[in-house]
Amino acid sequence: RLGAVDILESYLGYLRNLVDASAGGHVQPVY
């Protein structure tokens, strides 16, 4: 909402790695 896109971009990378690791299965609430 404040336009801080740098944090969004780096976090999306973190999420994509989690998605790949889960292979569509269970995802933990915390890592």
Full PDB file with SEQRES, HELIX, SHEET, SSBOND, CRYST1, ORIGX, SCALE, CONECT and MASTER records, all heavy atoms in Angstrom:
SEQRES   1 A   31  ARG LEU GLY ALA VAL ASP ILE LEU GLU SER TYR LEU GLY          
SEQRES   2 A   31  TYR LEU ARG ASN LEU VAL ASP ALA SER ALA GLY GLY HIS          
SEQRES   3 A   31  VAL GLN PRO VAL TYR                                          
HELIX    1 AA1 VAL A    5  SER A   22  1                                  18    
CRYST1    1.000    1.000    1.000  90.00  90.00  90.00 P 1           1          
ORIGX1      1.000000  0.000000  0.000000        0.00000                         
ORIGX2      0.000000  1.000000  0.000000        0.00000                         
ORIGX3      0.000000  0.000000  1.000000        0.00000                         
SCALE1      1.000000  0.000000  0.000000        0.00000                         
SCALE2      0.000000  1.000000  0.000000        0.00000                         
SCALE3      0.000000  0.000000  1.000000        0.00000                         
ATOM      1  N   ARG A   1       0.824  -1.209   0.000  1.00  0.00           N  
ATOM      2  CA  ARG A   1       0.000   0.000   0.000  1.00  0.00           C  
ATOM      3  C   ARG A   1       0.859   1.261   0.000  1.00  0.00           C  
ATOM      4  O   ARG A   1       0.406   2.327  -0.417  1.00  0.00           O  
ATOM      5  CB  ARG A   1      -0.915   0.007   1.226  1.00  0.00           C  
ATOM      6  CG  ARG A   1      -2.046  -1.004   1.147  1.00  0.00           C  
ATOM      7  CD  ARG A   1      -2.857  -1.049   2.429  1.00  0.00           C  
ATOM      8  NE  ARG A   1      -4.076  -1.820   2.242  1.00  0.00           N  
ATOM      9  CZ  ARG A   1      -4.885  -2.203   3.218  1.00  0.00           C  
ATOM     10  NH1 ARG A   1      -4.577  -1.884   4.473  1.00  0.00           N  
ATOM     11  NH2 ARG A   1      -5.971  -2.888   2.971  1.00  0.00           N  
ATOM     12  N   LEU A   2       2.090   1.112   0.472  1.00  0.00           N  
ATOM     13  CA  LEU A   2       3.012   2.250   0.496  1.00  0.00           C  
ATOM     14  C   LEU A   2       3.942   2.248  -0.709  1.00  0.00           C  
ATOM     15  O   LEU A   2       4.801   3.128  -0.829  1.00  0.00           O  
ATOM     16  CB  LEU A   2       3.845   2.225   1.776  1.00  0.00           C  
ATOM     17  CG  LEU A   2       3.089   2.200   3.097  1.00  0.00           C  
ATOM     18  CD1 LEU A   2       4.065   2.186   4.260  1.00  0.00           C  
ATOM     19  CD2 LEU A   2       2.135   3.384   3.218  1.00  0.00           C  
ATOM     20  N   GLY A   3       3.803   1.245  -1.572  1.00  0.00           N  
ATOM     21  CA  GLY A   3       4.646   1.183  -2.756  1.00  0.00           C  
ATOM     22  C   GLY A   3       6.006   0.579  -2.531  1.00  0.00           C  
ATOM     23  O   GLY A   3       6.901   0.743  -3.368  1.00  0.00           O  
ATOM     24  N   ALA A   4       6.211  -0.144  -1.421  1.00  0.00           N  
ATOM     25  CA  ALA A   4       7.520  -0.740  -1.113  1.00  0.00           C  
ATOM     26  C   ALA A   4       7.662  -2.061  -1.861  1.00  0.00           C  
ATOM     27  O   ALA A   4       7.645  -3.147  -1.275  1.00  0.00           O  
ATOM     28  CB  ALA A   4       7.682  -0.940   0.386  1.00  0.00           C  
ATOM     29  N   VAL A   5       7.823  -1.955  -3.160  1.00  0.00           N  
ATOM     30  CA  VAL A   5       7.798  -3.142  -4.018  1.00  0.00           C  
ATOM     31  C   VAL A   5       9.031  -4.012  -3.825  1.00  0.00           C  
ATOM     32  O   VAL A   5       9.011  -5.209  -4.123  1.00  0.00           O  
ATOM     33  CB  VAL A   5       7.639  -2.713  -5.495  1.00  0.00           C  
ATOM     34  CG1 VAL A   5       8.907  -2.052  -6.018  1.00  0.00           C  
ATOM     35  CG2 VAL A   5       7.255  -3.898  -6.362  1.00  0.00           C  
ATOM     36  N   ASP A   6      10.136  -3.456  -3.307  1.00  0.00           N  
ATOM     37  CA  ASP A   6      11.346  -4.251  -3.126  1.00  0.00           C  
ATOM     38  C   ASP A   6      11.121  -5.397  -2.158  1.00  0.00           C  
ATOM     39  O   ASP A   6      11.608  -6.521  -2.374  1.00  0.00           O  
ATOM     40  CB  ASP A   6      12.506  -3.359  -2.668  1.00  0.00           C  
ATOM     41  CG  ASP A   6      12.219  -2.621  -1.366  1.00  0.00           C  
ATOM     42  OD1 ASP A   6      11.035  -2.281  -1.115  1.00  0.00           O  
ATOM     43  OD2 ASP A   6      13.171  -2.348  -0.607  1.00  0.00           O  
ATOM     44  N   ILE A   7      10.389  -5.148  -1.086  1.00  0.00           N  
ATOM     45  CA  ILE A   7      10.128  -6.200  -0.104  1.00  0.00           C  
ATOM     46  C   ILE A   7       9.188  -7.246  -0.689  1.00  0.00           C  
ATOM     47  O   ILE A   7       9.375  -8.453  -0.497  1.00  0.00           O  
ATOM     48  CB  ILE A   7       9.559  -5.589   1.189  1.00  0.00           C  
ATOM     49  CG1 ILE A   7      10.606  -4.663   1.818  1.00  0.00           C  
ATOM     50  CG2 ILE A   7       9.140  -6.679   2.168  1.00  0.00           C  
ATOM     51  CD1 ILE A   7      10.125  -3.899   3.014  1.00  0.00           C  
ATOM     52  N   LEU A   8       8.175  -6.796  -1.435  1.00  0.00           N  
ATOM     53  CA  LEU A   8       7.265  -7.727  -2.088  1.00  0.00           C  
ATOM     54  C   LEU A   8       8.031  -8.653  -3.027  1.00  0.00           C  
ATOM     55  O   LEU A   8       7.848  -9.869  -2.998  1.00  0.00           O  
ATOM     56  CB  LEU A   8       6.201  -6.948  -2.862  1.00  0.00           C  
ATOM     57  CG  LEU A   8       5.297  -7.791  -3.783  1.00  0.00           C  
ATOM     58  CD1 LEU A   8       4.431  -8.736  -2.967  1.00  0.00           C  
ATOM     59  CD2 LEU A   8       4.436  -6.894  -4.659  1.00  0.00           C  
ATOM     60  N   GLU A   9       8.902  -8.092  -3.841  1.00  0.00           N  
ATOM     61  CA  GLU A   9       9.627  -8.904  -4.818  1.00  0.00           C  
ATOM     62  C   GLU A   9      10.492  -9.960  -4.149  1.00  0.00           C  
ATOM     63  O   GLU A   9      10.522 -11.115  -4.568  1.00  0.00           O  
ATOM     64  CB  GLU A   9      10.491  -8.015  -5.706  1.00  0.00           C  
ATOM     65  CG  GLU A   9       9.700  -7.297  -6.785  1.00  0.00           C  
ATOM     66  CD  GLU A   9      10.594  -6.665  -7.824  1.00  0.00           C  
ATOM     67  OE1 GLU A   9      11.447  -5.852  -7.448  1.00  0.00           O  
ATOM     68  OE2 GLU A   9      10.434  -6.979  -9.018  1.00  0.00           O  
ATOM     69  N   SER A  10      11.221  -9.571  -3.109  1.00  0.00           N  
ATOM     70  CA  SER A  10      12.100 -10.545  -2.465  1.00  0.00           C  
ATOM     71  C   SER A  10      11.281 -11.627  -1.756  1.00  0.00           C  
ATOM     72  O   SER A  10      11.658 -12.807  -1.764  1.00  0.00           O  
ATOM     73  CB  SER A  10      13.049  -9.858  -1.479  1.00  0.00           C  
ATOM     74  OG  SER A  10      12.333  -9.222  -0.433  1.00  0.00           O  
ATOM     75  N   TYR A  11      10.138 -11.250  -1.184  1.00  0.00           N  
ATOM     76  CA  TYR A  11       9.307 -12.247  -0.517  1.00  0.00           C  
ATOM     77  C   TYR A  11       8.658 -13.193  -1.519  1.00  0.00           C  
ATOM     78  O   TYR A  11       8.507 -14.393  -1.248  1.00  0.00           O  
ATOM     79  CB  TYR A  11       8.245 -11.570   0.346  1.00  0.00           C  
ATOM     80  CG  TYR A  11       7.343 -12.563   1.038  1.00  0.00           C  
ATOM     81  CD1 TYR A  11       7.864 -13.458   1.970  1.00  0.00           C  
ATOM     82  CD2 TYR A  11       5.983 -12.633   0.756  1.00  0.00           C  
ATOM     83  CE1 TYR A  11       7.053 -14.399   2.603  1.00  0.00           C  
ATOM     84  CE2 TYR A  11       5.166 -13.563   1.377  1.00  0.00           C  
ATOM     85  CZ  TYR A  11       5.707 -14.443   2.307  1.00  0.00           C  
ATOM     86  OH  TYR A  11       4.898 -15.374   2.927  1.00  0.00           O  
ATOM     87  N   LEU A  12       8.284 -12.698  -2.684  1.00  0.00           N  
ATOM     88  CA  LEU A  12       7.711 -13.575  -3.697  1.00  0.00           C  
ATOM     89  C   LEU A  12       8.708 -14.660  -4.097  1.00  0.00           C  
ATOM     90  O   LEU A  12       8.329 -15.805  -4.361  1.00  0.00           O  
ATOM     91  CB  LEU A  12       7.273 -12.775  -4.926  1.00  0.00           C  
ATOM     92  CG  LEU A  12       6.094 -11.807  -4.731  1.00  0.00           C  
ATOM     93  CD1 LEU A  12       5.705 -11.160  -6.048  1.00  0.00           C  
ATOM     94  CD2 LEU A  12       4.898 -12.491  -4.090  1.00  0.00           C  
ATOM     95  N   GLY A  13       9.991 -14.297  -4.144  1.00  0.00           N  
ATOM     96  CA  GLY A  13      11.007 -15.304  -4.412  1.00  0.00           C  
ATOM     97  C   GLY A  13      11.045 -16.372  -3.329  1.00  0.00           C  
ATOM     98  O   GLY A  13      11.177 -17.571  -3.619  1.00  0.00           O  
ATOM     99  N   TYR A  14      10.929 -15.950  -2.082  1.00  0.00           N  
ATOM    100  CA  TYR A  14      10.881 -16.888  -0.960  1.00  0.00           C  
ATOM    101  C   TYR A  14       9.688 -17.833  -1.119  1.00  0.00           C  
ATOM    102  O   TYR A  14       9.807 -19.056  -0.979  1.00  0.00           O  
ATOM    103  CB  TYR A  14      10.777 -16.104   0.342  1.00  0.00           C  
ATOM    104  CG  TYR A  14      10.789 -16.928   1.613  1.00  0.00           C  
ATOM    105  CD1 TYR A  14      11.994 -17.297   2.208  1.00  0.00           C  
ATOM    106  CD2 TYR A  14       9.605 -17.298   2.240  1.00  0.00           C  
ATOM    107  CE1 TYR A  14      12.014 -18.025   3.390  1.00  0.00           C  
ATOM    108  CE2 TYR A  14       9.612 -18.029   3.420  1.00  0.00           C  
ATOM    109  CZ  TYR A  14      10.821 -18.393   3.989  1.00  0.00           C  
ATOM    110  OH  TYR A  14      10.837 -19.122   5.160  1.00  0.00           O  
ATOM    111  N   LEU A  15       8.522 -17.265  -1.462  1.00  0.00           N  
ATOM    112  CA  LEU A  15       7.321 -18.081  -1.613  1.00  0.00           C  
ATOM    113  C   LEU A  15       7.445 -19.060  -2.770  1.00  0.00           C  
ATOM    114  O   LEU A  15       7.017 -20.221  -2.665  1.00  0.00           O  
ATOM    115  CB  LEU A  15       6.095 -17.190  -1.841  1.00  0.00           C  
ATOM    116  CG  LEU A  15       5.447 -16.537  -0.623  1.00  0.00           C  
ATOM    117  CD1 LEU A  15       4.172 -15.825  -1.040  1.00  0.00           C  
ATOM    118  CD2 LEU A  15       5.134 -17.572   0.460  1.00  0.00           C  
ATOM    119  N   ARG A  16       7.999 -18.614  -3.894  1.00  0.00           N  
ATOM    120  CA  ARG A  16       8.131 -19.524  -5.030  1.00  0.00           C  
ATOM    121  C   ARG A  16       8.993 -20.724  -4.669  1.00  0.00           C  
ATOM    122  O   ARG A  16       8.722 -21.856  -5.107  1.00  0.00           O  
ATOM    123  CB  ARG A  16       8.702 -18.777  -6.236  1.00  0.00           C  
ATOM    124  CG  ARG A  16       7.677 -17.902  -6.956  1.00  0.00           C  
ATOM    125  CD  ARG A  16       8.186 -17.385  -8.280  1.00  0.00           C  
ATOM    126  NE  ARG A  16       9.223 -16.393  -8.119  1.00  0.00           N  
ATOM    127  CZ  ARG A  16       9.005 -15.074  -8.083  1.00  0.00           C  
ATOM    128  NH1 ARG A  16       7.765 -14.605  -8.196  1.00  0.00           N  
ATOM    129  NH2 ARG A  16      10.000 -14.224  -7.942  1.00  0.00           N  
ATOM    130  N   ASN A  17      10.026 -20.508  -3.867  1.00  0.00           N  
ATOM    131  CA  ASN A  17      10.844 -21.626  -3.411  1.00  0.00           C  
ATOM    132  C   ASN A  17      10.056 -22.577  -2.521  1.00  0.00           C  
ATOM    133  O   ASN A  17      10.213 -23.803  -2.609  1.00  0.00           O  
ATOM    134  CB  ASN A  17      12.081 -21.099  -2.673  1.00  0.00           C  
ATOM    135  CG  ASN A  17      13.175 -20.661  -3.618  1.00  0.00           C  
ATOM    136  OD1 ASN A  17      13.602 -21.413  -4.477  1.00  0.00           O  
ATOM    137  ND2 ASN A  17      13.630 -19.433  -3.475  1.00  0.00           N  
ATOM    138  N   LEU A  18       9.194 -22.023  -1.665  1.00  0.00           N  
ATOM    139  CA  LEU A  18       8.353 -22.888  -0.827  1.00  0.00           C  
ATOM    140  C   LEU A  18       7.371 -23.687  -1.669  1.00  0.00           C  
ATOM    141  O   LEU A  18       7.135 -24.872  -1.416  1.00  0.00           O  
ATOM    142  CB  LEU A  18       7.579 -22.046   0.195  1.00  0.00           C  
ATOM    143  CG  LEU A  18       8.372 -21.439   1.353  1.00  0.00           C  
ATOM    144  CD1 LEU A  18       7.422 -20.726   2.304  1.00  0.00           C  
ATOM    145  CD2 LEU A  18       9.154 -22.500   2.106  1.00  0.00           C  
ATOM    146  N   VAL A  19       6.779 -23.023  -2.659  1.00  0.00           N  
ATOM    147  CA  VAL A  19       5.825 -23.706  -3.534  1.00  0.00           C  
ATOM    148  C   VAL A  19       6.513 -24.861  -4.257  1.00  0.00           C  
ATOM    149  O   VAL A  19       5.973 -25.972  -4.342  1.00  0.00           O  
ATOM    150  CB  VAL A  19       5.213 -22.708  -4.535  1.00  0.00           C  
ATOM    151  CG1 VAL A  19       4.418 -23.442  -5.613  1.00  0.00           C  
ATOM    152  CG2 VAL A  19       4.303 -21.725  -3.808  1.00  0.00           C  
ATOM    153  N   ASP A  20       7.715 -24.611  -4.769  1.00  0.00           N  
ATOM    154  CA  ASP A  20       8.446 -25.682  -5.451  1.00  0.00           C  
ATOM    155  C   ASP A  20       8.739 -26.839  -4.500  1.00  0.00           C  
ATOM    156  O   ASP A  20       8.606 -28.015  -4.860  1.00  0.00           O  
ATOM    157  CB  ASP A  20       9.758 -25.146  -6.023  1.00  0.00           C  
ATOM    158  CG  ASP A  20       9.554 -24.234  -7.228  1.00  0.00           C  
ATOM    159  OD1 ASP A  20       8.420 -24.193  -7.748  1.00  0.00           O  
ATOM    160  OD2 ASP A  20      10.515 -23.564  -7.619  1.00  0.00           O  
ATOM    161  N   ALA A  21       9.144 -26.509  -3.283  1.00  0.00           N  
ATOM    162  CA  ALA A  21       9.509 -27.547  -2.318  1.00  0.00           C  
ATOM    163  C   ALA A  21       8.299 -28.377  -1.900  1.00  0.00           C  
ATOM    164  O   ALA A  21       8.411 -29.573  -1.629  1.00  0.00           O  
ATOM    165  CB  ALA A  21      10.168 -26.924  -1.095  1.00  0.00           C  
ATOM    166  N   SER A  22       7.130 -27.751  -1.849  1.00  0.00           N  
ATOM    167  CA  SER A  22       5.932 -28.469  -1.410  1.00  0.00           C  
ATOM    168  C   SER A  22       5.396 -29.397  -2.485  1.00  0.00           C  
ATOM    169  O   SER A  22       4.696 -30.368  -2.173  1.00  0.00           O  
ATOM    170  CB  SER A  22       4.834 -27.474  -1.015  1.00  0.00           C  
ATOM    171  OG  SER A  22       4.264 -26.869  -2.166  1.00  0.00           O  
ATOM    172  N   ALA A  23       5.697 -29.089  -3.758  1.00  0.00           N  
ATOM    173  CA  ALA A  23       5.221 -29.900  -4.896  1.00  0.00           C  
ATOM    174  C   ALA A  23       3.718 -30.131  -4.830  1.00  0.00           C  
ATOM    175  O   ALA A  23       3.206 -31.190  -5.200  1.00  0.00           O  
ATOM    176  CB  ALA A  23       5.970 -31.234  -4.941  1.00  0.00           C  
ATOM    177  N   GLY A  24       3.007 -29.113  -4.347  1.00  0.00           N  
ATOM    178  CA  GLY A  24       1.555 -29.212  -4.298  1.00  0.00           C  
ATOM    179  C   GLY A  24       1.014 -29.919  -3.073  1.00  0.00           C  
ATOM    180  O   GLY A  24      -0.192 -30.126  -2.959  1.00  0.00           O  
ATOM    181  N   GLY A  25       1.884 -30.253  -2.149  1.00  0.00           N  
ATOM    182  CA  GLY A  25       1.431 -30.943  -0.960  1.00  0.00           C  
ATOM    183  C   GLY A  25       1.302 -30.026   0.232  1.00  0.00           C  
ATOM    184  O   GLY A  25       1.058 -28.830   0.102  1.00  0.00           O  
ATOM    185  N   HIS A  26       1.504 -30.580   1.404  1.00  0.00           N  
ATOM    186  CA  HIS A  26       1.348 -29.837   2.659  1.00  0.00           C  
ATOM    187  C   HIS A  26       2.337 -28.677   2.735  1.00  0.00           C  
ATOM    188  O   HIS A  26       3.515 -28.814   2.403  1.00  0.00           O  
ATOM    189  CB  HIS A  26       1.569 -30.788   3.834  1.00  0.00           C  
ATOM    190  CG  HIS A  26       1.725 -30.117   5.154  1.00  0.00           C  
ATOM    191  ND1 HIS A  26       0.719 -29.356   5.728  1.00  0.00           N  
ATOM    192  CD2 HIS A  26       2.781 -30.055   6.013  1.00  0.00           C  
ATOM    193  CE1 HIS A  26       1.144 -28.880   6.890  1.00  0.00           C  
ATOM    194  NE2 HIS A  26       2.386 -29.282   7.081  1.00  0.00           N  
ATOM    195  N   VAL A  27       1.855 -27.534   3.187  1.00  0.00           N  
ATOM    196  CA  VAL A  27       2.701 -26.371   3.445  1.00  0.00           C  
ATOM    197  C   VAL A  27       2.602 -26.040   4.930  1.00  0.00           C  
ATOM    198  O   VAL A  27       1.505 -25.956   5.487  1.00  0.00           O  
ATOM    199  CB  VAL A  27       2.268 -25.156   2.605  1.00  0.00           C  
ATOM    200  CG1 VAL A  27       3.082 -23.924   2.991  1.00  0.00           C  
ATOM    201  CG2 VAL A  27       2.434 -25.435   1.122  1.00  0.00           C  
ATOM    202  N   GLN A  28       3.748 -25.866   5.553  1.00  0.00           N  
ATOM    203  CA  GLN A  28       3.772 -25.507   6.971  1.00  0.00           C  
ATOM    204  C   GLN A  28       3.345 -24.051   7.147  1.00  0.00           C  
ATOM    205  O   GLN A  28       3.496 -23.232   6.235  1.00  0.00           O  
ATOM    206  CB  GLN A  28       5.190 -25.673   7.533  1.00  0.00           C  
ATOM    207  CG  GLN A  28       5.707 -27.093   7.501  1.00  0.00           C  
ATOM    208  CD  GLN A  28       7.164 -27.191   7.914  1.00  0.00           C  
ATOM    209  OE1 GLN A  28       7.770 -28.238   7.746  1.00  0.00           O  
ATOM    210  NE2 GLN A  28       7.730 -26.119   8.465  1.00  0.00           N  
ATOM    211  N   PRO A  29       2.871 -23.696   8.348  1.00  0.00           N  
ATOM    212  CA  PRO A  29       2.559 -22.291   8.601  1.00  0.00           C  
ATOM    213  C   PRO A  29       3.791 -21.431   8.819  1.00  0.00           C  
ATOM    214  O   PRO A  29       3.739 -20.216   8.681  1.00  0.00           O  
ATOM    215  CB  PRO A  29       1.695 -22.333   9.860  1.00  0.00           C  
ATOM    216  CG  PRO A  29       2.046 -23.620  10.525  1.00  0.00           C  
ATOM    217  CD  PRO A  29       2.404 -24.581   9.429  1.00  0.00           C  
ATOM    218  N   VAL A  30       4.930 -22.052   9.147  1.00  0.00           N  
ATOM    219  CA  VAL A  30       6.122 -21.292   9.500  1.00  0.00           C  
ATOM    220  C   VAL A  30       7.359 -22.060   9.056  1.00  0.00           C  
ATOM    221  O   VAL A  30       7.389 -23.297   9.099  1.00  0.00           O  
ATOM    222  CB  VAL A  30       6.161 -21.005  11.022  1.00  0.00           C  
ATOM    223  CG1 VAL A  30       6.120 -22.279  11.838  1.00  0.00           C  
ATOM    224  CG2 VAL A  30       7.380 -20.169  11.392  1.00  0.00           C  
ATOM    225  N   TYR A  31       8.369 -21.286   8.608  1.00  0.00           N  
ATOM    226  CA  TYR A  31       9.646 -21.850   8.174  1.00  0.00           C  
ATOM    227  C   TYR A  31      10.772 -21.004   8.734  1.00  0.00           C  
ATOM    228  O   TYR A  31      10.579 -19.845   9.114  1.00  0.00           O  
ATOM    229  CB  TYR A  31       9.745 -21.873   6.650  1.00  0.00           C  
ATOM    230  CG  TYR A  31       8.816 -22.846   5.971  1.00  0.00           C  
ATOM    231  CD1 TYR A  31       7.482 -22.498   5.691  1.00  0.00           C  
ATOM    232  CD2 TYR A  31       9.247 -24.116   5.611  1.00  0.00           C  
ATOM    233  CE1 TYR A  31       6.625 -23.387   5.072  1.00  0.00           C  
ATOM    234  CE2 TYR A  31       8.393 -25.022   4.984  1.00  0.00           C  
ATOM    235  CZ  TYR A  31       7.083 -24.654   4.727  1.00  0.00           C  
ATOM    236  OH  TYR A  31       6.220 -25.539   4.116  1.00  0.00           O  
TER     237      TYR A  31                                                      
MASTER        0    0    0    1    0    0    0    6  236    1    0    3          
END                                                                             
